C-alpha atoms as a PDB file:
ATOM      1  CA  MET A   1       0.217   0.109  -0.040  1.00  0.00           C
ATOM      2  CA  LYS A   2       3.000   2.493   0.403  1.00  0.00           C
ATOM      3  CA  ASP A   3       4.279   1.628  -2.873  1.00  0.00           C
ATOM      4  CA  TYR A   4       0.443   2.597  -4.044  1.00  0.00           C
ATOM      5  CA  ILE A   5       0.788   5.635  -2.568  1.00  0.00           C
ATOM      6  CA  GLN A   6       3.849   6.911  -3.127  1.00  0.00           C
ATOM      7  CA  LYS A   7       3.662   6.414  -7.196  1.00  0.00           C
ATOM      8  CA  MET A   8       0.419   8.339  -6.490  1.00  0.00           C
ATOM      9  CA  PHE A   9       2.621  11.330  -5.489  1.00  0.00           C
ATOM     10  CA  GLU A  10       4.908  11.079  -7.881  1.00  0.00           C
ATOM     11  CA  TRP A  11       2.335  10.917 -10.366  1.00  0.00           C
ATOM     12  CA  HIS A  12       1.248  14.253  -9.065  1.00  0.00           C
ATOM     13  CA  LYS A  13       4.379  15.817  -8.177  1.00  0.00           C
ATOM     14  CA  TYR A  14       4.651  18.473 -11.399  1.00  0.00           C
ATOM     15  CA  PRO A  15       2.399  21.697 -10.594  1.00  0.00           C
ATOM     16  CA  ILE A  16       0.674  22.161 -13.778  1.00  0.00           C
ATOM     17  CA  ASN A  17      -0.780  18.235 -13.671  1.00  0.00           C
ATOM     18  CA  ALA A  18      -1.687  18.855  -9.639  1.00  0.00           C
ATOM     19  CA  ALA A  19      -3.354  21.958 -11.088  1.00  0.00           C
ATOM     20  CA  LEU A  20      -5.689  20.208 -13.496  1.00  0.00           C
ATOM     21  CA  HIS A  21      -6.608  17.929 -11.063  1.00  0.00           C
ATOM     22  CA  ALA A  22      -7.911  20.341  -8.796  1.00  0.00           C
ATOM     23  CA  VAL A  23     -10.063  21.846 -11.879  1.00  0.00           C
ATOM     24  CA  ALA A  24     -11.319  18.365 -12.833  1.00  0.00           C
ATOM     25  CA  LEU A  25     -11.836  17.944  -9.120  1.00  0.00           C
ATOM     26  CA  ILE A  26     -13.906  20.747  -8.860  1.00  0.00           C
ATOM     27  CA  VAL A  27     -15.975  20.656 -12.312  1.00  0.00           C
ATOM     28  CA  LEU A  28     -16.351  16.898 -11.459  1.00  0.00           C
ATOM     29  CA  ILE A  29     -18.178  17.732  -8.229  1.00  0.00           C
ATOM     30  CA  ILE A  30     -20.369  20.320  -9.419  1.00  0.00           C
ATOM     31  CA  ALA A  31     -20.915  17.767 -12.677  1.00  0.00           C
ATOM     32  CA  LEU A  32     -21.866  15.194 -10.448  1.00  0.00           C
ATOM     33  CA  TRP A  33     -24.352  17.618  -8.565  1.00  0.00           C
ATOM     34  CA  ASN A  34     -26.133  18.725 -11.171  1.00  0.00           C
ATOM     35  CA  ARG A  35     -26.442  15.424 -13.289  1.00  0.00           C
ATOM     36  CA  SER A  36     -24.453  16.942 -16.216  1.00  0.00           C
ATOM     37  CA  TRP A  37     -22.817  13.920 -18.445  1.00  0.00           C
ATOM     38  CA  MET A  38     -20.953  16.486 -20.602  1.00  0.00           C
ATOM     39  CA  TRP A  39     -19.105  18.381 -17.928  1.00  0.00           C
ATOM     40  CA  ILE A  40     -18.108  14.920 -16.366  1.00  0.00           C
ATOM     41  CA  VAL A  41     -16.426  14.018 -19.591  1.00  0.00           C
ATOM     42  CA  ILE A  42     -15.332  17.428 -19.531  1.00  0.00           C
ATOM     43  CA  ALA A  43     -13.418  16.474 -16.187  1.00  0.00           C
ATOM     44  CA  ILE A  44     -12.284  13.207 -17.368  1.00  0.00           C
ATOM     45  CA  ILE A  45     -10.258  15.147 -20.257  1.00  0.00           C
ATOM     46  CA  VAL A  46      -8.462  17.820 -18.075  1.00  0.00           C
ATOM     47  CA  ALA A  47      -7.120  15.078 -15.819  1.00  0.00           C
ATOM     48  CA  ALA A  48      -6.116  13.492 -18.696  1.00  0.00           C
ATOM     49  CA  ILE A  49      -4.132  16.427 -20.130  1.00  0.00           C
ATOM     50  CA  GLY A  50      -2.644  16.409 -16.781  1.00  0.00           C
ATOM     51  CA  HIS A  51      -1.447  13.452 -16.678  1.00  0.00           C
ATOM     52  CA  LEU A  52      -0.564  13.648 -20.424  1.00  0.00           C
ATOM     53  CA  ILE A  53       1.679  16.594 -19.428  1.00  0.00           C
ATOM     54  CA  GLN A  54       3.113  14.658 -16.715  1.00  0.00           C
ATOM     55  CA  GLU A  55       4.317  12.120 -18.872  1.00  0.00           C
ATOM     56  CA  THR A  56       5.803  13.998 -21.660  1.00  0.00           C
ATOM     57  CA  TYR A  57       7.825  16.306 -18.727  1.00  0.00           C
ATOM     58  CA  GLY A  58       9.012  12.443 -17.393  1.00  0.00           C
ATOM     59  CA  HIS A  59      10.049  11.636 -20.776  1.00  0.00           C
ATOM     60  CA  LYS A  60      11.902  14.911 -21.804  1.00  0.00           C
ATOM     61  CA  ALA A  61      13.992  14.326 -18.387  1.00  0.00           C
ATOM     62  CA  ARG A  62      14.629  10.212 -19.072  1.00  0.00           C
ATOM     63  CA  ILE A  63      15.784  11.326 -22.168  1.00  0.00           C
ATOM     64  CA  SER A  64      18.134  14.355 -20.820  1.00  0.00           C
ATOM     65  CA  LYS A  65      19.421  11.220 -18.994  1.00  0.00           C
ATOM     66  CA  LEU A  66      20.222   9.128 -21.400  1.00  0.00           C
ATOM     67  CA  GLU A  67      21.680  11.555 -23.542  1.00  0.00           C
ATOM     68  CA  GLY A  68      23.819  12.151 -20.774  1.00  0.00           C
ATOM     69  CA  LYS A  69      25.118   8.989 -20.094  1.00  0.00           C
ATOM     70  CA  LYS A  70      26.120   9.340 -23.905  1.00  0.00           C
ATOM     71  CA  ARG A  71      28.190  12.127 -24.153  1.00  0.00           C
ATOM     72  CA  LYS A  72      30.423  10.730 -21.220  1.00  0.00           C
END
């Protein structure tokens, strides 16, 4: 369980991703309250965009690390 929680914190360590998830959570709560499927889908898309941004930054970091090893 500890590894899962640690992995979740690592997924949300970038401020842009965390902010998008906060916005998505607020939109999702309001959408569920109003039973609006369109806004529920929008909240899911906003959260997915946050994860894509997170993965892009992580991928750039891995590439930079590999390029640094090649230069040595």
